[in-house]
Amino acid sequence: MPITIGNTPVTTWSLMAAHKALAAYKATIERFAGSEVTIRFASIEAAAAALANPAQANAMQFGIGVQPQTPANRSINDCLADLEVELDRKAKQARQPDKEKYNKMLAEAGEAGALLFSEAAKNKPELFAARNCVYYYQGGYMSGDQFAVGAALAFDGTARLILLYAEADRNAAARLVRFYAASCRLTKDRLLVVQVPNAKDAVESCRQLVDHRIDADKPMPDLPDGLKFLLKIPARGAKLCPVGGATTDVAASVMSGKGDQIVAKWDGVDPNKNRYWAYRVDKFLNLKGIVKGQKYVILWMRFSGKEGGAHKELDDSWTGLGQICHAFLKKQRNVILVGRPRQNRDVHAKMKQHLDKLSANDPVDRDRLKIWGEYWKSEGGNPNTKIIGPNRAAEYAIFLRMKSAEWKCSLVHLGMRSGAMDAAALLGMHTRFIEQAGNEQIKRTTKWTGKDNTSTLYKRAEVSELSTKTARDMVHDGGQHGIERGYTPEDLKLIIDSVESAFV
């Protein structure tokens, strides 16, 4: 009974019938419902006066608990402030068990990954390879493929992984193992870690062996001693597959996804199952000015190829990113720009430069553009562990929270073809990736999208030209090719229309 008149409780249900003089203040009184802040007024008139002038001090009895403790001269605003403190205390107390679970999950993820890596290194390769099951092989440098591989390992509890890494790749390989251990339920008997002189060469040897296993007319590769154990994999009853095989095995689930559920059965990536994690993400979203119930384009930037990563032709150009942002802002869409920029590049400065140019004759509302960049990092470059969970897949926790029943945001992820796009789709989010029509890897992407690009969840936006000079030089073999950077008007419209169709 938060408010009483004399000795009579004032409840929101009895308010209209018993205390009509207070009916106008029902909303204020309801804010006290269920709290431990208790107020007693001498009369209805005194209560009405206090509620009518919430900033003015009035005579009342006030206390924390079921009964008022001491007479007081207070305002309703003072009481509401105490109520907020009390509610915060109770909410924090209610979150404490989940906070302990969350911190335990973070600690155990690191421990589990380190233990799995060391235990898997003790496996005897010849015995490991003797089972009738699916074997995936992956290079330690192939971080973008971890999402499809992790989903496949979680789906099939008998599948095994051969992780090939060079000394220079050890830390990257350890991060992969951490994800597989913490979120994909991979155990030591299902993992073999193999150190090799050159991981890319080892992966190529595996590819040649797969070709030979499929077609005996293809030459048998001359395997180095460290990979001869692969010959122990049974010719019948077992499969040796590249990471593309993992994509094949999970893509059917994505093809059937409608964007209303998580496709990948990963552990520890959904903040909606933990009140503390959800609370921390909510604070982040409120700080970033995200509005509940709104539609957002999550635009992923990619520049890893320019820094030595794979597929440099799939990098973005700032010109292209500026064009896409401007086009969505012109449609009054909310855009969140995320991802790692090129080294020593200021995302805000680059986007301002290109939006200034594009807006000179076609102004747009730039308040709708939110630049998060590497949002998984906090100030100083330290991991923002209070919001992103135990591994890279959990970096998508923020978006899962935005899609929750509490936030009710509608999201579409957009970016160049990459593992980041795969992860978004595997987590049940509408995803559109940009790809050049007719490129050599189209067969890989049709696993996700269907040959005719018919997947509801994951679709290609097939452009005639990618947005960088590097990509165009590769396609045209250094010859002449129209504009050097950015998208043609036709391709830009195609990208925008593809995303818009996902919001319908």
Protein backbone atom coordinates (compact mmCIF):
# COMPACT_ATOMS: atom_id res chain seq x y z
CA MET A 1 0.00 0.00 0.00
CA PRO A 2 2.29 2.84 -1.20
CA ILE A 3 -0.12 5.69 -0.37
CA THR A 4 -2.72 5.85 2.41
CA ILE A 5 -5.27 8.47 3.41
CA GLY A 6 -5.49 8.27 7.17
CA ASN A 7 -5.51 4.50 7.54
CA THR A 8 -7.21 3.79 4.20
CA PRO A 9 -5.07 2.42 1.34
CA VAL A 10 -5.21 4.20 -2.00
CA THR A 11 -4.98 1.68 -4.84
CA THR A 12 -5.28 2.35 -8.55
CA TRP A 13 -8.28 0.01 -8.76
CA SER A 14 -10.25 1.76 -6.01
CA LEU A 15 -9.14 5.24 -6.92
CA MET A 16 -12.05 6.24 -9.15
CA ALA A 17 -14.72 4.80 -6.86
CA ALA A 18 -13.45 5.78 -3.41
CA HIS A 19 -11.27 8.83 -3.97
CA LYS A 20 -12.54 10.72 -6.99
CA ALA A 21 -10.62 13.81 -5.93
CA LEU A 22 -7.40 11.93 -6.72
CA ALA A 23 -8.48 10.50 -10.10
CA ALA A 24 -6.51 13.10 -12.01
CA TYR A 25 -3.33 11.85 -10.39
CA LYS A 26 -3.79 8.18 -11.16
CA ALA A 27 -0.65 7.99 -13.33
CA THR A 28 1.53 9.42 -10.57
CA ILE A 29 0.05 7.12 -7.95
CA GLU A 30 0.59 4.10 -10.22
CA ARG A 31 4.31 4.82 -10.25
CA PHE A 32 4.39 3.88 -6.57
CA ALA A 33 2.52 0.61 -7.08
CA GLY A 34 4.35 -2.41 -5.73
CA SER A 35 7.20 -0.34 -4.30
CA GLU A 36 8.52 -0.21 -0.75
CA VAL A 37 8.21 3.59 -0.60
CA THR A 38 5.20 4.36 1.63
CA ILE A 39 3.44 7.72 2.05
CA ARG A 40 0.60 8.61 4.48
CA PHE A 41 -1.49 11.77 4.14
CA ALA A 42 -3.89 13.11 6.79
CA SER A 43 -6.70 13.69 4.29
CA ILE A 44 -7.75 13.45 0.68
CA GLU A 45 -7.33 17.22 0.42
CA ALA A 46 -3.72 16.98 1.62
CA ALA A 47 -3.00 14.20 -0.87
CA ALA A 48 -4.58 16.15 -3.72
CA ALA A 49 -2.60 19.28 -2.85
CA ALA A 50 0.68 17.35 -2.79
CA LEU A 51 -0.06 15.58 -6.07
CA ALA A 52 -1.18 18.80 -7.75
CA ASN A 53 2.10 20.53 -6.85
CA PRO A 54 4.71 17.75 -7.05
CA ALA A 55 7.69 20.09 -6.49
CA GLN A 56 6.21 21.67 -3.32
CA ALA A 57 6.94 20.23 0.12
CA ASN A 58 3.88 19.06 2.10
CA ALA A 59 3.25 17.49 5.49
CA MET A 60 3.15 13.70 5.28
CA GLN A 61 4.54 10.56 6.81
CA PHE A 62 7.17 8.89 4.65
CA GLY A 63 9.27 5.78 4.88
CA ILE A 64 10.92 2.88 3.11
CA GLY A 65 8.96 -0.24 3.98
CA VAL A 66 5.37 -1.27 4.61
CA GLN A 67 4.68 1.41 7.28
CA PRO A 68 5.70 5.07 7.26
CA GLN A 69 8.52 5.62 9.70
CA THR A 70 8.74 9.34 10.49
CA PRO A 71 6.76 12.54 9.86
CA ALA A 72 8.27 14.47 7.01
CA ASN A 73 7.93 17.66 5.02
CA ARG A 74 8.54 16.44 1.51
CA SER A 75 7.47 16.88 -2.09
CA ILE A 76 6.07 14.18 -4.35
CA ASN A 77 9.15 14.65 -6.56
CA ASP A 78 11.36 13.83 -3.54
CA CYS A 79 9.31 10.71 -2.96
CA LEU A 80 9.57 9.72 -6.62
CA ALA A 81 13.35 10.19 -6.47
CA ASP A 82 13.49 7.84 -3.48
CA LEU A 83 11.26 5.45 -5.38
CA GLU A 84 13.71 5.38 -8.31
CA VAL A 85 16.56 4.64 -5.91
CA GLU A 86 14.53 1.83 -4.36
CA LEU A 87 13.56 0.37 -7.74
CA ASP A 88 17.16 0.54 -8.93
CA ARG A 89 18.28 -1.25 -5.76
CA LYS A 90 15.71 -4.00 -6.23
CA ALA A 91 16.50 -4.34 -9.94
CA LYS A 92 20.21 -4.58 -9.22
CA GLN A 93 19.54 -7.18 -6.55
CA ALA A 94 17.39 -9.17 -9.00
CA ARG A 95 20.15 -9.00 -11.64
CA GLN A 96 22.90 -10.15 -9.32
CA PRO A 97 22.50 -13.91 -9.97
CA ASP A 98 22.59 -13.32 -13.71
CA LYS A 99 25.60 -11.03 -13.32
CA GLU A 100 27.44 -13.87 -11.60
CA LYS A 101 26.38 -16.25 -14.40
CA TYR A 102 27.54 -13.78 -17.04
CA ASN A 103 30.96 -13.20 -15.48
CA LYS A 104 31.33 -16.94 -14.98
CA MET A 105 30.52 -17.50 -18.66
CA LEU A 106 33.24 -15.03 -19.70
CA ALA A 107 35.82 -16.62 -17.43
CA GLU A 108 34.95 -20.17 -18.42
CA ALA A 109 35.05 -19.33 -22.14
CA GLY A 110 38.72 -18.39 -21.91
CA GLU A 111 39.55 -21.34 -19.70
CA ALA A 112 37.62 -23.79 -21.88
CA GLY A 113 39.31 -22.54 -25.04
CA ALA A 114 42.82 -22.79 -23.60
CA LEU A 115 42.15 -26.25 -22.16
CA LEU A 116 40.60 -27.55 -25.38
CA PHE A 117 43.51 -26.30 -27.45
CA SER A 118 46.11 -27.98 -25.23
CA GLU A 119 44.14 -31.23 -24.88
CA ALA A 120 43.42 -31.46 -28.61
CA ALA A 121 47.14 -31.06 -29.33
CA LYS A 122 47.68 -34.38 -27.50
CA ASN A 123 45.43 -36.36 -29.84
CA LYS A 124 47.18 -38.94 -32.00
CA PRO A 125 46.46 -37.95 -35.62
CA GLU A 126 46.26 -41.52 -36.98
CA LEU A 127 43.67 -42.53 -34.38
CA PHE A 128 41.79 -39.24 -34.73
CA ALA A 129 41.39 -39.84 -38.47
CA ALA A 130 40.10 -43.40 -38.17
CA ARG A 131 36.41 -42.67 -37.48
CA ASN A 132 33.49 -42.84 -39.90
CA CYS A 133 32.26 -39.25 -39.64
CA VAL A 134 32.52 -35.83 -41.25
CA TYR A 135 35.93 -34.13 -40.99
CA TYR A 136 36.16 -30.41 -41.68
CA TYR A 137 39.58 -28.84 -42.20
CA GLN A 138 40.25 -25.17 -41.54
CA GLY A 139 43.27 -22.90 -41.56
CA GLY A 140 43.91 -20.87 -38.44
CA TYR A 141 43.86 -17.71 -40.54
CA MET A 142 40.29 -18.42 -41.77
CA SER A 143 38.49 -16.45 -39.08
CA GLY A 144 35.59 -15.43 -41.32
CA ASP A 145 34.56 -19.07 -41.72
CA GLN A 146 34.21 -19.72 -38.00
CA PHE A 147 30.49 -18.97 -37.98
CA ALA A 148 29.53 -21.58 -40.57
CA VAL A 149 31.99 -24.10 -39.12
CA GLY A 150 30.74 -23.45 -35.59
CA ALA A 151 27.13 -23.86 -36.65
CA ALA A 152 27.93 -27.16 -38.38
CA LEU A 153 29.80 -28.46 -35.33
CA ALA A 154 26.86 -27.53 -33.10
CA PHE A 155 24.34 -29.19 -35.42
CA ASP A 156 26.28 -32.45 -35.84
CA GLY A 157 27.67 -33.73 -32.55
CA THR A 158 29.80 -36.34 -34.34
CA ALA A 159 31.56 -34.02 -36.81
CA ARG A 160 35.27 -33.43 -36.25
CA LEU A 161 37.54 -30.48 -37.02
CA ILE A 162 41.15 -30.48 -38.18
CA LEU A 163 42.61 -27.05 -37.44
CA LEU A 164 45.83 -26.28 -39.31
CA TYR A 165 47.90 -23.36 -38.09
CA ALA A 166 51.38 -21.92 -38.53
CA GLU A 167 53.21 -20.43 -35.58
CA ALA A 168 52.23 -16.95 -36.76
CA ASP A 169 48.57 -18.03 -36.71
CA ARG A 170 48.60 -19.52 -33.22
CA ASN A 171 46.73 -16.70 -31.49
CA ALA A 172 44.13 -16.57 -34.25
CA ALA A 173 43.70 -20.35 -34.04
CA ALA A 174 43.31 -20.12 -30.26
CA ARG A 175 40.49 -17.58 -30.69
CA LEU A 176 38.71 -19.96 -33.05
CA VAL A 177 39.02 -22.78 -30.52
CA ARG A 178 37.67 -20.53 -27.78
CA PHE A 179 34.52 -19.94 -29.83
CA TYR A 180 34.13 -23.61 -30.70
CA ALA A 181 34.61 -24.66 -27.07
CA ALA A 182 32.40 -22.03 -25.44
CA SER A 183 29.55 -21.81 -27.92
CA CYS A 184 29.63 -24.84 -30.23
CA ARG A 185 30.08 -27.68 -27.71
CA LEU A 186 33.24 -28.94 -29.42
CA THR A 187 35.14 -31.44 -27.25
CA LYS A 188 38.74 -32.64 -27.27
CA ASP A 189 37.89 -35.92 -28.99
CA ARG A 190 36.39 -33.96 -31.91
CA LEU A 191 39.29 -31.53 -32.47
CA LEU A 192 42.80 -32.00 -33.82
CA VAL A 193 45.12 -28.99 -33.86
CA VAL A 194 48.10 -29.39 -36.18
CA GLN A 195 51.00 -26.98 -36.40
CA VAL A 196 52.39 -26.74 -39.92
CA PRO A 197 55.10 -24.63 -41.58
CA ASN A 198 52.56 -22.82 -43.77
CA ALA A 199 48.82 -23.04 -43.12
CA LYS A 200 47.80 -21.96 -46.63
CA ASP A 201 49.98 -24.64 -48.18
CA ALA A 202 48.51 -27.24 -45.80
CA VAL A 203 44.96 -26.20 -46.71
CA GLU A 204 45.85 -26.50 -50.39
CA SER A 205 47.20 -30.04 -49.82
CA CYS A 206 43.91 -30.94 -48.13
CA ARG A 207 41.97 -29.55 -51.07
CA GLN A 208 43.98 -31.65 -53.53
CA LEU A 209 43.38 -34.74 -51.41
CA VAL A 210 39.63 -34.08 -51.38
CA ASP A 211 39.69 -33.75 -55.18
CA HIS A 212 41.47 -37.11 -55.42
CA ARG A 213 39.01 -38.77 -53.03
CA ILE A 214 36.12 -37.55 -55.17
CA ASP A 215 37.76 -38.33 -58.52
CA ALA A 216 40.51 -40.95 -58.59
CA ASP A 217 41.74 -39.52 -61.91
CA LYS A 218 42.82 -36.39 -60.07
CA PRO A 219 46.45 -36.68 -58.89
CA MET A 220 47.21 -37.74 -55.34
CA PRO A 221 49.04 -34.86 -53.64
CA ASP A 222 52.48 -35.40 -52.17
CA LEU A 223 51.50 -34.89 -48.56
CA PRO A 224 54.18 -33.75 -46.12
CA ASP A 225 54.84 -36.05 -43.15
CA GLY A 226 52.72 -33.89 -40.86
CA LEU A 227 49.63 -34.46 -43.02
CA LYS A 228 50.01 -38.12 -43.96
CA PHE A 229 47.52 -39.01 -41.21
CA LEU A 230 44.80 -37.73 -43.56
CA LEU A 231 45.22 -40.93 -45.55
CA LYS A 232 43.77 -42.82 -42.56
CA ILE A 233 40.34 -41.21 -43.06
CA PRO A 234 38.13 -44.07 -44.33
CA ALA A 235 37.31 -43.89 -48.02
CA ARG A 236 33.79 -45.10 -47.25
CA GLY A 237 31.65 -43.89 -44.39
CA ALA A 238 33.67 -40.71 -43.81
CA LYS A 239 33.96 -37.35 -45.53
CA LEU A 240 36.83 -34.87 -45.66
CA CYS A 241 35.43 -31.41 -46.32
CA PRO A 242 36.76 -27.85 -46.59
CA VAL A 243 35.00 -25.09 -44.67
CA GLY A 244 32.74 -24.79 -47.70
CA GLY A 245 31.37 -28.18 -46.71
CA ALA A 246 30.32 -26.71 -43.38
CA THR A 247 28.53 -23.97 -45.31
CA THR A 248 26.69 -26.59 -47.32
CA ASP A 249 25.65 -28.44 -44.18
CA VAL A 250 24.12 -25.39 -42.46
CA ALA A 251 22.91 -23.37 -45.44
CA ALA A 252 19.69 -25.34 -45.76
CA SER A 253 18.69 -24.07 -42.32
CA VAL A 254 19.32 -20.51 -43.42
CA MET A 255 17.38 -21.07 -46.62
CA SER A 256 14.34 -22.08 -44.58
CA GLY A 257 14.75 -19.26 -42.02
CA LYS A 258 12.22 -16.45 -41.93
CA GLY A 259 14.08 -14.02 -39.67
CA ASP A 260 12.06 -14.88 -36.58
CA GLN A 261 14.43 -17.29 -34.85
CA ILE A 262 18.11 -18.06 -34.33
CA VAL A 263 19.27 -20.60 -36.90
CA ALA A 264 22.67 -21.44 -35.42
CA LYS A 265 22.47 -23.38 -32.15
CA TRP A 266 25.26 -21.46 -30.45
CA ASP A 267 25.56 -21.13 -26.69
CA GLY A 268 26.23 -17.84 -24.92
CA VAL A 269 25.35 -15.37 -27.67
CA ASP A 270 21.80 -14.27 -26.76
CA PRO A 271 21.60 -11.52 -24.10
CA ASN A 272 17.83 -11.89 -23.80
CA LYS A 273 18.41 -14.98 -21.66
CA ASN A 274 20.41 -13.07 -19.04
CA ARG A 275 18.97 -10.02 -17.22
CA TYR A 276 22.37 -8.52 -16.41
CA TRP A 277 23.67 -8.82 -19.96
CA ALA A 278 20.41 -7.38 -21.33
CA TYR A 279 20.66 -4.49 -18.86
CA ARG A 280 24.21 -3.64 -20.00
CA VAL A 281 23.21 -3.79 -23.67
CA ASP A 282 20.17 -1.63 -22.97
CA LYS A 283 22.42 1.01 -21.42
CA PHE A 284 24.61 0.92 -24.54
CA LEU A 285 21.61 1.25 -26.88
CA ASN A 286 20.15 4.13 -24.90
CA LEU A 287 23.51 5.88 -24.88
CA LYS A 288 23.69 5.48 -28.67
CA GLY A 289 20.22 6.98 -29.12
CA ILE A 290 18.55 3.85 -30.48
CA VAL A 291 14.75 4.14 -30.50
CA LYS A 292 12.49 1.19 -29.77
CA GLY A 293 10.26 -0.04 -32.58
CA GLN A 294 12.31 1.64 -35.34
CA LYS A 295 13.82 0.15 -38.52
CA TYR A 296 17.61 0.12 -38.87
CA VAL A 297 20.05 -0.73 -41.66
CA ILE A 298 23.19 -2.28 -40.13
CA LEU A 299 25.90 -1.39 -42.65
CA TRP A 300 29.13 -3.38 -42.27
CA MET A 301 32.34 -1.88 -43.63
CA ARG A 302 35.17 -4.12 -44.81
CA PHE A 303 38.79 -3.10 -45.37
CA SER A 304 40.66 -6.23 -44.23
CA GLY A 305 41.97 -7.04 -47.71
CA LYS A 306 43.90 -3.77 -47.86
CA GLU A 307 45.77 -4.90 -44.74
CA GLY A 308 46.80 -8.31 -46.03
CA GLY A 309 43.58 -10.27 -45.54
CA ALA A 310 41.87 -12.51 -48.07
CA HIS A 311 39.80 -11.26 -51.02
CA LYS A 312 40.96 -7.67 -51.25
CA GLU A 313 38.52 -7.24 -54.13
CA LEU A 314 35.70 -7.49 -51.56
CA ASP A 315 36.85 -4.45 -49.62
CA ASP A 316 34.67 -1.37 -49.47
CA SER A 317 35.51 2.06 -50.81
CA TRP A 318 34.66 5.16 -48.78
CA THR A 319 32.97 6.49 -51.89
CA GLY A 320 30.68 3.48 -52.04
CA LEU A 321 29.89 3.60 -48.31
CA GLY A 322 29.10 7.29 -48.61
CA GLN A 323 26.76 6.62 -51.53
CA ILE A 324 24.88 3.91 -49.64
CA CYS A 325 24.53 6.00 -46.47
CA HIS A 326 23.35 9.03 -48.43
CA ALA A 327 20.79 6.98 -50.35
CA PHE A 328 19.29 5.48 -47.19
CA LEU A 329 19.29 8.81 -45.37
CA LYS A 330 17.48 10.30 -48.34
CA LYS A 331 14.80 7.66 -47.73
CA GLN A 332 14.80 8.67 -44.05
CA ARG A 333 16.12 5.28 -43.00
CA ASN A 334 18.16 4.86 -39.82
CA VAL A 335 21.68 3.61 -40.57
CA ILE A 336 24.22 2.14 -38.14
CA LEU A 337 27.73 1.93 -39.63
CA VAL A 338 29.79 -0.80 -37.97
CA GLY A 339 33.07 -2.63 -38.54
CA ARG A 340 36.79 -2.04 -38.54
CA PRO A 341 38.01 0.78 -40.76
CA ARG A 342 41.39 0.89 -42.46
CA GLN A 343 44.27 1.46 -40.10
CA ASN A 344 44.73 5.13 -39.14
CA ARG A 345 41.46 6.17 -40.81
CA ASP A 346 38.86 8.24 -38.96
CA VAL A 347 35.41 6.91 -39.87
CA HIS A 348 33.61 10.09 -38.83
CA ALA A 349 35.93 12.28 -40.89
CA LYS A 350 35.73 10.05 -43.97
CA MET A 351 31.94 9.84 -43.86
CA LYS A 352 31.63 13.60 -43.34
CA GLN A 353 33.86 14.19 -46.35
CA HIS A 354 31.75 12.04 -48.65
CA LEU A 355 28.36 13.07 -47.26
CA ASP A 356 29.34 16.73 -47.58
CA LYS A 357 30.02 16.18 -51.25
CA LEU A 358 26.85 14.17 -51.89
CA SER A 359 24.68 16.54 -49.82
CA ALA A 360 25.82 19.72 -51.52
CA ASN A 361 22.86 19.58 -53.91
CA ASP A 362 20.86 16.88 -52.14
CA PRO A 363 20.82 17.44 -48.34
CA VAL A 364 19.81 14.64 -45.95
CA ASP A 365 19.14 14.25 -42.21
CA ARG A 366 22.49 13.05 -40.89
CA ASP A 367 21.14 12.52 -37.38
CA ARG A 368 19.78 9.23 -38.68
CA LEU A 369 23.35 7.95 -39.21
CA LYS A 370 24.94 6.31 -36.16
CA ILE A 371 28.65 5.49 -36.48
CA TRP A 372 29.59 2.67 -34.12
CA GLY A 373 32.73 1.42 -35.88
CA GLU A 374 34.41 -1.18 -33.67
CA TYR A 375 31.62 -1.09 -31.11
CA TRP A 376 32.97 -4.22 -29.42
CA LYS A 377 35.84 -2.13 -28.10
CA SER A 378 35.63 0.48 -25.37
CA GLU A 379 37.81 3.52 -24.89
CA GLY A 380 41.51 2.70 -25.08
CA GLY A 381 40.95 -0.37 -27.23
CA ASN A 382 40.04 -2.69 -24.37
CA PRO A 383 37.33 -5.28 -25.11
CA ASN A 384 33.90 -4.09 -24.04
CA THR A 385 33.17 -7.31 -22.17
CA LYS A 386 30.06 -5.91 -20.51
CA ILE A 387 28.15 -6.03 -23.79
CA ILE A 388 29.76 -8.44 -26.27
CA GLY A 389 29.96 -11.71 -24.36
CA PRO A 390 32.59 -14.44 -24.66
CA ASN A 391 33.47 -14.52 -28.38
CA ARG A 392 33.01 -12.98 -31.82
CA ALA A 393 29.58 -14.48 -32.36
CA ALA A 394 28.43 -12.76 -29.16
CA GLU A 395 29.32 -9.41 -30.72
CA TYR A 396 25.93 -9.77 -32.41
CA ALA A 397 24.23 -9.80 -28.99
CA ILE A 398 23.45 -6.10 -29.39
CA PHE A 399 21.42 -6.78 -32.51
CA LEU A 400 19.63 -9.75 -30.94
CA ARG A 401 18.63 -7.41 -28.13
CA MET A 402 17.37 -4.81 -30.63
CA LYS A 403 15.16 -7.51 -32.16
CA SER A 404 13.79 -8.61 -28.77
CA ALA A 405 10.20 -8.19 -27.60
CA GLU A 406 11.34 -5.28 -25.42
CA TRP A 407 12.94 -3.28 -28.24
CA LYS A 408 10.98 -4.50 -31.29
CA CYS A 409 13.42 -3.05 -33.82
CA SER A 410 13.43 -4.30 -37.40
CA LEU A 411 16.95 -4.87 -38.76
CA VAL A 412 18.57 -5.62 -42.10
CA HIS A 413 22.32 -6.26 -42.26
CA LEU A 414 24.13 -5.09 -45.39
CA GLY A 415 27.74 -5.51 -46.45
CA MET A 416 30.23 -7.13 -48.78
CA ARG A 417 30.30 -10.92 -48.84
CA SER A 418 32.04 -11.98 -45.61
CA GLY A 419 31.83 -14.09 -42.49
CA ALA A 420 30.17 -11.16 -40.73
CA MET A 421 27.24 -11.49 -43.10
CA ASP A 422 27.09 -15.27 -42.54
CA ALA A 423 26.90 -14.76 -38.79
CA ALA A 424 24.02 -12.28 -39.05
CA ALA A 425 21.98 -14.72 -41.15
CA LEU A 426 22.79 -17.66 -38.86
CA LEU A 427 21.41 -15.61 -35.98
CA GLY A 428 18.10 -15.26 -37.80
CA MET A 429 18.55 -11.71 -39.08
CA HIS A 430 17.63 -10.47 -42.54
CA THR A 431 20.89 -10.09 -44.45
CA ARG A 432 21.82 -8.64 -47.82
CA PHE A 433 25.36 -8.94 -49.16
CA ILE A 434 26.90 -7.18 -52.12
CA GLU A 435 28.54 -9.32 -54.74
CA GLN A 436 29.58 -8.90 -58.35
CA ALA A 437 27.31 -10.79 -60.73
CA GLY A 438 28.96 -13.83 -62.30
CA ASN A 439 32.01 -13.95 -60.03
CA GLU A 440 33.93 -17.20 -59.60
CA GLN A 441 32.66 -17.87 -56.07
CA ILE A 442 28.98 -17.60 -56.92
CA LYS A 443 28.52 -21.32 -56.22
CA ARG A 444 29.53 -20.76 -52.60
CA THR A 445 27.01 -18.01 -52.09
CA THR A 446 24.13 -19.82 -53.76
CA LYS A 447 24.28 -22.32 -50.91
CA TRP A 448 22.96 -19.55 -48.68
CA THR A 449 20.66 -17.79 -51.10
CA GLY A 450 19.44 -20.46 -53.48
CA LYS A 451 20.41 -20.62 -57.13
CA ASP A 452 17.70 -18.12 -58.02
CA ASN A 453 18.38 -15.91 -54.97
CA THR A 454 15.09 -16.96 -53.38
CA SER A 455 16.01 -17.13 -49.68
CA THR A 456 13.83 -14.89 -47.53
CA LEU A 457 16.57 -14.42 -44.97
CA TYR A 458 19.83 -14.14 -46.91
CA LYS A 459 20.07 -12.61 -50.39
CA ARG A 460 22.66 -11.36 -52.83
CA ALA A 461 22.61 -7.83 -54.18
CA GLU A 462 24.32 -8.57 -57.50
CA VAL A 463 25.98 -5.48 -58.90
CA SER A 464 27.64 -5.07 -62.27
CA GLU A 465 30.80 -3.57 -60.70
CA LEU A 466 32.18 -3.57 -57.17
CA SER A 467 33.03 -0.21 -55.64
CA THR A 468 36.84 -0.22 -55.55
CA LYS A 469 39.47 0.42 -58.20
CA THR A 470 41.24 -2.75 -57.02
CA ALA A 471 38.19 -4.92 -57.75
CA ARG A 472 37.66 -3.33 -61.15
CA ASP A 473 41.31 -3.68 -62.12
CA MET A 474 41.13 -7.39 -61.26
CA VAL A 475 37.99 -7.93 -63.34
CA HIS A 476 39.21 -5.88 -66.29
CA ASP A 477 42.80 -7.10 -65.99
CA GLY A 478 44.06 -3.56 -65.60
CA GLY A 479 42.11 -2.27 -68.60
CA GLN A 480 39.75 0.67 -68.84
CA HIS A 481 36.59 0.60 -66.75
CA GLY A 482 34.26 3.56 -66.26
CA ILE A 483 34.39 5.22 -62.83
CA GLU A 484 37.21 4.16 -60.53
CA ARG A 485 35.38 4.10 -57.21
CA GLY A 486 31.81 3.89 -56.01
CA TYR A 487 28.68 2.37 -57.53
CA THR A 488 26.89 3.21 -60.72
CA PRO A 489 23.42 4.73 -60.22
CA GLU A 490 21.86 1.46 -61.39
CA ASP A 491 23.88 -0.67 -58.96
CA LEU A 492 23.23 1.71 -56.07
CA LYS A 493 19.49 1.49 -56.70
CA LEU A 494 19.72 -2.29 -56.83
CA ILE A 495 21.44 -2.38 -53.40
CA ILE A 496 18.92 -0.02 -51.80
CA ASP A 497 15.94 -1.87 -53.29
CA SER A 498 17.28 -5.20 -52.05
CA VAL A 499 17.43 -3.92 -48.48
CA GLU A 500 14.05 -2.19 -48.72
CA SER A 501 12.42 -5.46 -49.80
CA ALA A 502 13.61 -7.07 -46.56
CA PHE A 503 11.73 -4.51 -44.46
CA VAL A 504 8.40 -5.34 -46.10
